[in-house]
Amino acid sequence: MNFLINASALLFSAFVALYLFKNKKSQASTQNDFWEKEREANSTRRKSLDDLDYIKIPIEEFPMSLLDGVPKAEDYKQIIQTLDELPIVNFTGISNTELKLRYGAPNIDVLSSYDQNYTLLVRTLQQWAQLLYDAGYVEEAMHMLEFSVSTGTDVSATYKLLCQIYTEKHTPEKIGALYPIAQVLNSAMQKTIVRILQEAEQSAG
């Protein structure tokens, strides 16, 4: 009996050792691949940025005259006006290494700034839309959220509030129209957002 127990323990230990060896080898290979790709990216020459999908803010369609004097609203308006003068590009889910390979290592700082502008844009739109919605300006909030979604935002609260508005306006079919956008999001939030749409459809149904 003791012999079988000892044999089983040795066999189990051997399997664990083999697994750990293979896992360590796989991690080393993955790490080597990463650094090789990073070296290649760092040596990539500057390329044209003319083909970037620049985002234009439809500032003339935004409710700049609403909630005058409300500090948060004024802050959001100022941010949007500032961003309207800056290049904005959505690089969500794209690593710096990939950006350098596509557009050249010398462009990484400017590309990062474009992406930071985008992050600030969609976060501000979400906060501003929520403020408008809470104040009773539902249509204005909806249009702002729809624009944000059209840019490929992965801010889950944007989809949640938009679904809520569609449900309240008795237009649940518009929730379904958000699926094609949500399903192709290059983001860790993609599954969460799809689940938000599914739950909203179920509730609306």
Protein backbone atom coordinates (compact mmCIF):
# COMPACT_ATOMS: atom_id res chain seq x y z
CA MET A 1 0.00 0.00 0.00
CA ASN A 2 2.79 2.39 0.97
CA PHE A 3 4.56 1.50 -2.26
CA LEU A 4 1.50 2.54 -4.33
CA ILE A 5 1.13 5.77 -2.39
CA ASN A 6 4.81 6.61 -2.85
CA ALA A 7 4.67 5.70 -6.53
CA SER A 8 1.59 7.87 -7.05
CA ALA A 9 3.26 10.76 -5.24
CA LEU A 10 6.38 10.43 -7.37
CA LEU A 11 4.32 10.25 -10.55
CA PHE A 12 2.32 13.34 -9.53
CA SER A 13 5.53 15.21 -8.72
CA ALA A 14 6.93 14.28 -12.11
CA PHE A 15 3.82 15.61 -13.86
CA VAL A 16 4.00 18.87 -11.89
CA ALA A 17 7.70 19.26 -12.67
CA LEU A 18 7.05 18.63 -16.38
CA TYR A 19 4.19 21.15 -16.43
CA LEU A 20 6.28 23.80 -14.70
CA PHE A 21 9.17 23.18 -17.10
CA LYS A 22 6.95 23.53 -20.17
CA ASN A 23 5.23 26.59 -18.73
CA LYS A 24 8.55 28.25 -17.95
CA LYS A 25 9.83 27.45 -21.42
CA SER A 26 6.67 28.88 -22.99
CA GLN A 27 6.95 32.06 -20.95
CA ALA A 28 10.58 32.46 -21.93
CA SER A 29 9.66 32.03 -25.61
CA THR A 30 6.84 34.57 -25.32
CA GLN A 31 9.14 37.05 -23.60
CA ASN A 32 11.81 36.60 -26.26
CA ASP A 33 9.22 37.16 -29.00
CA PHE A 34 8.06 40.35 -27.27
CA TRP A 35 11.54 41.83 -26.97
CA GLU A 36 12.36 40.88 -30.55
CA LYS A 37 9.22 42.65 -31.73
CA GLU A 38 10.02 45.64 -29.51
CA ARG A 39 13.52 45.89 -31.00
CA GLU A 40 12.06 45.84 -34.47
CA ALA A 41 9.51 48.50 -33.49
CA ASN A 42 12.17 50.78 -32.02
CA SER A 43 14.12 50.69 -35.27
CA THR A 44 11.09 51.48 -37.45
CA ARG A 45 11.45 54.80 -39.24
CA ARG A 46 8.95 57.64 -39.05
CA LYS A 47 5.95 57.16 -41.33
CA SER A 48 3.16 59.44 -42.51
CA LEU A 49 0.20 59.97 -40.17
CA ASP A 50 -2.09 61.19 -42.93
CA ASP A 51 -4.12 57.97 -42.98
CA LEU A 52 -5.05 58.09 -39.30
CA ASP A 53 -8.77 58.05 -38.50
CA TYR A 54 -8.91 61.48 -36.90
CA ILE A 55 -12.05 62.22 -34.88
CA LYS A 56 -13.83 65.50 -35.50
CA ILE A 57 -15.96 66.76 -32.63
CA PRO A 58 -19.36 68.04 -33.84
CA ILE A 59 -19.15 70.83 -31.29
CA GLU A 60 -21.82 72.86 -33.09
CA GLU A 61 -24.30 70.08 -32.22
CA PHE A 62 -23.45 70.01 -28.53
CA PRO A 63 -25.60 71.89 -25.97
CA MET A 64 -23.01 74.51 -25.09
CA SER A 65 -25.69 76.91 -23.80
CA LEU A 66 -27.32 74.49 -21.37
CA LEU A 67 -26.53 74.41 -17.64
CA ASP A 68 -24.78 77.76 -17.79
CA GLY A 69 -23.15 78.55 -14.49
CA VAL A 70 -23.08 74.93 -13.33
CA PRO A 71 -19.41 74.37 -12.43
CA LYS A 72 -19.15 70.79 -13.71
CA ALA A 73 -20.94 71.63 -16.93
CA GLU A 74 -18.64 74.59 -17.50
CA ASP A 75 -15.61 72.36 -16.94
CA TYR A 76 -16.86 69.81 -19.46
CA LYS A 77 -17.57 72.52 -22.04
CA GLN A 78 -14.08 73.95 -21.60
CA ILE A 79 -12.48 70.52 -22.03
CA ILE A 80 -14.46 69.83 -25.21
CA GLN A 81 -13.60 73.26 -26.65
CA THR A 82 -9.92 72.62 -25.96
CA LEU A 83 -10.03 69.14 -27.50
CA ASP A 84 -11.77 70.54 -30.57
CA GLU A 85 -8.47 72.20 -31.46
CA LEU A 86 -6.38 69.05 -30.98
CA PRO A 87 -5.81 65.85 -33.00
CA ILE A 88 -7.84 62.96 -31.59
CA VAL A 89 -7.46 59.29 -32.54
CA ASN A 90 -8.85 56.15 -30.92
CA PHE A 91 -6.01 53.67 -30.36
CA THR A 92 -7.83 51.59 -27.74
CA GLY A 93 -6.39 48.07 -27.56
CA ILE A 94 -3.34 48.89 -29.68
CA SER A 95 -0.01 48.61 -27.87
CA ASN A 96 2.83 51.09 -28.17
CA THR A 97 4.88 48.39 -29.88
CA GLU A 98 2.22 47.99 -32.56
CA LEU A 99 1.97 51.74 -33.01
CA LYS A 100 5.72 52.03 -33.50
CA LEU A 101 5.68 49.22 -36.06
CA ARG A 102 2.87 50.91 -38.01
CA TYR A 103 3.93 54.54 -37.81
CA GLY A 104 7.55 54.56 -36.70
CA ALA A 105 9.21 54.85 -33.32
CA PRO A 106 9.79 58.64 -33.63
CA ASN A 107 6.00 59.15 -33.75
CA ILE A 108 5.16 57.31 -30.52
CA ASP A 109 4.96 60.43 -28.32
CA VAL A 110 2.62 62.28 -30.64
CA LEU A 111 0.49 59.16 -31.16
CA SER A 112 0.23 58.69 -27.41
CA SER A 113 -0.98 62.28 -27.07
CA TYR A 114 -3.65 61.66 -29.73
CA ASP A 115 -4.86 58.63 -27.79
CA GLN A 116 -4.83 60.52 -24.48
CA ASN A 117 -6.98 63.19 -26.14
CA TYR A 118 -9.43 60.47 -27.15
CA THR A 119 -9.59 59.01 -23.65
CA LEU A 120 -10.28 62.45 -22.22
CA LEU A 121 -12.93 63.06 -24.89
CA VAL A 122 -15.04 59.97 -24.25
CA ARG A 123 -14.76 60.26 -20.48
CA THR A 124 -15.84 63.89 -20.61
CA LEU A 125 -18.73 63.10 -22.96
CA GLN A 126 -19.94 60.40 -20.56
CA GLN A 127 -19.78 62.70 -17.54
CA TRP A 128 -21.40 65.59 -19.38
CA ALA A 129 -24.16 63.37 -20.78
CA GLN A 130 -24.90 62.01 -17.30
CA LEU A 131 -25.13 65.56 -15.95
CA LEU A 132 -27.52 66.54 -18.75
CA TYR A 133 -29.64 63.43 -18.26
CA ASP A 134 -29.92 64.03 -14.52
CA ALA A 135 -31.01 67.61 -15.25
CA GLY A 136 -33.76 66.40 -17.58
CA TYR A 137 -32.05 67.07 -20.91
CA VAL A 138 -32.51 63.53 -22.18
CA GLU A 139 -32.38 64.21 -25.93
CA GLU A 140 -29.16 66.19 -25.64
CA ALA A 141 -27.58 63.49 -23.49
CA MET A 142 -28.65 60.81 -25.97
CA HIS A 143 -27.11 62.56 -28.97
CA MET A 144 -23.86 63.06 -27.09
CA LEU A 145 -23.71 59.40 -26.09
CA GLU A 146 -24.50 58.27 -29.64
CA PHE A 147 -21.61 60.30 -30.97
CA SER A 148 -19.30 58.77 -28.37
CA VAL A 149 -20.41 55.26 -29.35
CA SER A 150 -19.82 56.07 -33.03
CA THR A 151 -16.15 56.70 -32.21
CA GLY A 152 -15.75 53.22 -30.71
CA THR A 153 -15.69 54.17 -27.04
CA ASP A 154 -15.28 51.36 -24.52
CA VAL A 155 -16.68 53.36 -21.59
CA SER A 156 -19.28 50.90 -20.33
CA ALA A 157 -21.30 53.59 -18.52
CA THR A 158 -21.94 55.24 -21.90
CA TYR A 159 -23.65 52.12 -23.24
CA LYS A 160 -25.55 51.59 -20.00
CA LEU A 161 -26.98 55.10 -19.94
CA LEU A 162 -27.78 55.02 -23.65
CA CYS A 163 -29.67 51.74 -23.20
CA GLN A 164 -31.56 53.27 -20.30
CA ILE A 165 -32.58 56.22 -22.45
CA TYR A 166 -33.68 53.98 -25.32
CA THR A 167 -35.78 51.93 -22.91
CA GLU A 168 -37.40 55.02 -21.40
CA LYS A 169 -38.15 56.38 -24.88
CA HIS A 170 -39.73 53.03 -25.85
CA THR A 171 -37.22 52.44 -28.63
CA PRO A 172 -35.60 49.17 -27.47
CA GLU A 173 -34.83 48.25 -31.07
CA LYS A 174 -32.04 50.82 -30.94
CA ILE A 175 -30.29 48.72 -28.31
CA GLY A 176 -29.90 45.95 -30.87
CA ALA A 177 -28.31 48.42 -33.27
CA LEU A 178 -25.45 48.86 -30.81
CA TYR A 179 -24.36 45.22 -31.06
CA PRO A 180 -22.32 45.54 -34.30
CA ILE A 181 -20.27 48.28 -32.67
CA ALA A 182 -19.85 46.53 -29.34
CA GLN A 183 -18.92 43.18 -30.86
CA VAL A 184 -15.89 44.56 -32.71
CA LEU A 185 -14.48 46.71 -29.91
CA ASN A 186 -10.76 46.12 -29.49
CA SER A 187 -10.97 46.37 -25.73
CA ALA A 188 -10.91 44.32 -22.55
CA MET A 189 -14.35 45.85 -21.86
CA GLN A 190 -15.89 44.33 -24.98
CA LYS A 191 -17.58 41.37 -23.26
CA THR A 192 -18.82 43.55 -20.43
CA ILE A 193 -20.41 45.96 -22.87
CA VAL A 194 -22.07 43.17 -24.85
CA ARG A 195 -23.47 41.83 -21.59
CA ILE A 196 -24.84 45.30 -20.75
CA LEU A 197 -26.68 45.33 -24.08
CA GLN A 198 -28.04 41.83 -23.55
CA GLU A 199 -29.33 42.66 -20.07
CA ALA A 200 -30.87 45.90 -21.33
CA GLU A 201 -32.68 44.07 -24.12
CA GLN A 202 -34.03 41.50 -21.71
CA SER A 203 -35.24 44.19 -19.32
CA ALA A 204 -36.81 46.18 -22.14
CA GLY A 205 -38.51 43.09 -23.52
